[in-house]
N, C-alpha and C. Protein backbone atom coordinates (compact mmCIF):
# COMPACT_ATOMS: atom_id res chain seq x y z
N UNK A 1 99.51 85.48 101.89
CA UNK A 1 98.59 86.08 101.03
C UNK A 1 99.02 86.23 99.67
N UNK A 2 98.31 86.08 98.72
CA UNK A 2 98.78 86.04 97.30
C UNK A 2 98.27 87.43 96.62
N UNK A 3 99.46 88.41 96.54
CA UNK A 3 99.24 89.63 96.08
C UNK A 3 100.27 89.82 94.87
N UNK A 4 99.62 90.24 93.75
CA UNK A 4 100.60 90.53 92.53
C UNK A 4 100.83 91.98 92.28
N UNK A 5 101.69 92.35 91.38
CA UNK A 5 101.82 93.62 90.90
C UNK A 5 100.69 93.92 90.01
N UNK A 6 99.94 95.04 90.06
CA UNK A 6 98.98 95.32 89.36
C UNK A 6 97.56 95.08 90.05
N UNK A 7 97.56 94.55 91.25
CA UNK A 7 96.25 94.46 92.00
C UNK A 7 95.98 95.70 92.68
N UNK A 8 94.70 95.87 92.93
CA UNK A 8 94.30 96.98 93.71
C UNK A 8 93.87 96.50 94.99
N UNK A 9 94.19 97.18 96.20
CA UNK A 9 94.01 96.88 97.50
C UNK A 9 93.05 97.85 98.13
N UNK A 10 91.95 97.31 98.80
CA UNK A 10 91.16 98.19 99.70
C UNK A 10 91.62 97.99 101.10
N UNK A 11 91.94 99.02 101.64
CA UNK A 11 92.58 98.97 103.06
C UNK A 11 91.43 99.36 104.01
N UNK A 12 91.73 99.10 105.33
CA UNK A 12 90.66 99.26 106.49
C UNK A 12 90.46 100.78 106.90
N UNK A 13 91.63 101.53 106.75
CA UNK A 13 91.67 102.93 107.08
C UNK A 13 92.04 103.86 105.73
N UNK A 14 91.32 104.98 105.83
CA UNK A 14 91.38 105.71 104.54
C UNK A 14 92.73 106.63 104.49
N UNK A 15 93.20 106.78 103.36
CA UNK A 15 94.35 107.83 103.20
C UNK A 15 93.70 109.20 103.59
N UNK A 16 94.62 110.24 103.88
CA UNK A 16 93.96 111.48 104.23
C UNK A 16 93.35 112.03 103.08
N UNK A 17 93.57 111.83 101.79
CA UNK A 17 92.75 112.24 100.64
C UNK A 17 91.32 111.64 100.59
N UNK A 18 90.96 110.64 101.46
CA UNK A 18 89.76 109.97 101.44
C UNK A 18 89.57 108.67 100.72
N UNK A 19 90.62 108.30 100.01
CA UNK A 19 90.49 106.97 99.23
C UNK A 19 90.99 105.89 100.14
N UNK A 20 90.28 104.82 99.96
CA UNK A 20 90.76 103.45 100.62
C UNK A 20 91.42 102.58 99.71
N UNK A 21 91.53 102.92 98.45
CA UNK A 21 92.08 102.04 97.38
C UNK A 21 93.59 102.34 97.05
N UNK A 22 94.39 101.25 96.94
CA UNK A 22 95.89 101.49 96.49
C UNK A 22 96.07 100.52 95.52
N UNK A 23 97.00 100.87 94.51
CA UNK A 23 97.54 99.93 93.48
C UNK A 23 98.84 99.49 93.94
N UNK A 24 99.09 98.17 93.67
CA UNK A 24 100.40 97.75 94.08
C UNK A 24 101.36 97.75 92.77
N UNK A 25 102.41 98.55 93.04
CA UNK A 25 103.45 98.81 92.02
C UNK A 25 104.73 97.78 92.32
N UNK A 26 104.98 97.46 93.42
CA UNK A 26 106.02 96.49 93.61
C UNK A 26 105.90 95.67 94.88
N UNK A 27 106.38 94.36 94.79
CA UNK A 27 106.18 93.52 95.79
C UNK A 27 107.49 92.87 96.22
N UNK A 28 107.51 92.39 97.41
CA UNK A 28 108.86 91.92 98.12
C UNK A 28 108.70 91.93 99.70
N UNK A 29 109.90 92.28 100.39
CA UNK A 29 109.81 92.32 101.63
C UNK A 29 109.01 93.70 102.13
N UNK A 30 109.22 94.72 101.17
CA UNK A 30 108.32 95.93 101.24
C UNK A 30 107.38 96.03 100.09
N UNK A 31 106.25 96.60 100.17
CA UNK A 31 105.48 96.95 99.10
C UNK A 31 105.51 98.33 98.67
N UNK A 32 105.37 98.55 97.37
CA UNK A 32 105.38 100.01 96.83
C UNK A 32 103.79 100.20 96.45
N UNK A 33 103.11 101.11 97.08
CA UNK A 33 101.72 101.24 96.74
C UNK A 33 101.48 102.75 96.31
N UNK A 34 100.63 102.88 95.48
CA UNK A 34 100.09 104.08 94.84
C UNK A 34 98.77 104.38 95.21
N UNK A 35 98.40 105.53 95.88
CA UNK A 35 97.03 105.83 96.26
C UNK A 35 96.24 106.02 95.02
N UNK A 36 94.98 105.40 94.82
CA UNK A 36 94.10 105.58 93.59
C UNK A 36 93.30 106.83 93.68
N UNK A 37 93.45 107.67 94.84
CA UNK A 37 92.76 109.00 94.85
C UNK A 37 93.75 110.12 94.39
N UNK A 38 94.80 110.23 95.08
CA UNK A 38 95.61 111.39 94.82
C UNK A 38 97.05 111.00 94.26
N UNK A 39 97.47 109.63 94.01
CA UNK A 39 98.55 109.41 93.24
C UNK A 39 99.82 109.25 94.17
N UNK A 40 99.69 109.52 95.40
CA UNK A 40 100.78 109.49 96.41
C UNK A 40 101.35 108.06 96.60
N UNK A 41 102.65 107.99 96.58
CA UNK A 41 103.31 106.65 96.60
C UNK A 41 103.98 106.46 97.85
N UNK A 42 103.95 105.25 98.38
CA UNK A 42 104.49 104.93 99.72
C UNK A 42 105.18 103.48 99.66
N UNK A 43 106.29 103.28 100.49
CA UNK A 43 106.75 101.95 100.72
C UNK A 43 106.39 101.54 102.12
N UNK A 44 105.91 100.21 102.23
CA UNK A 44 105.47 99.91 103.48
C UNK A 44 105.78 98.43 103.67
N UNK A 45 106.21 98.01 104.77
CA UNK A 45 106.68 96.55 105.04
C UNK A 45 105.46 95.70 104.88
N UNK A 46 105.81 94.41 104.38
CA UNK A 46 104.83 93.44 104.10
C UNK A 46 103.98 93.06 105.27
N UNK A 47 104.65 92.99 106.56
CA UNK A 47 103.90 92.59 107.71
C UNK A 47 102.81 93.56 108.13
N UNK A 48 103.11 94.77 107.86
CA UNK A 48 102.11 95.89 108.19
C UNK A 48 100.83 95.91 107.14
N UNK A 49 101.25 95.67 105.86
CA UNK A 49 100.20 95.79 104.95
C UNK A 49 99.21 94.74 104.92
N UNK A 50 99.79 93.51 105.26
CA UNK A 50 99.02 92.25 105.34
C UNK A 50 97.90 92.33 106.38
N UNK A 51 98.05 93.11 107.57
CA UNK A 51 97.20 93.40 108.70
C UNK A 51 96.23 94.39 108.20
N UNK A 52 96.50 95.38 107.26
CA UNK A 52 95.48 96.49 106.95
C UNK A 52 94.65 96.12 105.79
N UNK A 53 94.84 95.01 105.05
CA UNK A 53 94.19 94.81 103.83
C UNK A 53 92.67 94.30 104.16
N UNK A 54 91.68 94.95 103.43
CA UNK A 54 90.31 94.36 103.61
C UNK A 54 89.87 93.61 102.47
N UNK A 55 90.34 94.07 101.27
CA UNK A 55 90.01 93.23 99.94
C UNK A 55 91.06 93.48 98.97
N UNK A 56 91.16 92.38 98.08
CA UNK A 56 92.09 92.48 96.99
C UNK A 56 91.30 92.33 95.64
N UNK A 57 91.54 93.19 94.67
CA UNK A 57 91.04 93.12 93.43
C UNK A 57 92.07 92.85 92.30
N UNK A 58 91.98 91.62 91.69
CA UNK A 58 93.03 91.18 90.69
C UNK A 58 93.02 92.23 89.54
N UNK A 59 94.16 92.81 89.19
CA UNK A 59 94.35 93.61 88.05
C UNK A 59 93.44 94.80 88.22
N UNK A 60 93.23 95.45 89.22
CA UNK A 60 92.41 96.64 89.45
C UNK A 60 92.80 97.92 88.75
N UNK A 61 94.04 97.94 88.47
CA UNK A 61 94.56 99.27 87.93
C UNK A 61 94.00 99.71 86.62
């Protein structure tokens, strides 16, 4: 899957704040994502995030 820093991901399940959208801040073995709704940042393994992605928007931030 081709994901770049600055892309916006739409995930299958919502964050507790209600947002489905996340901004990609860092890529590698782990991804650093920032919630577009509340600004919360998480680190998540690549294998987990690739299963949860519904849509990728290029340069969505």
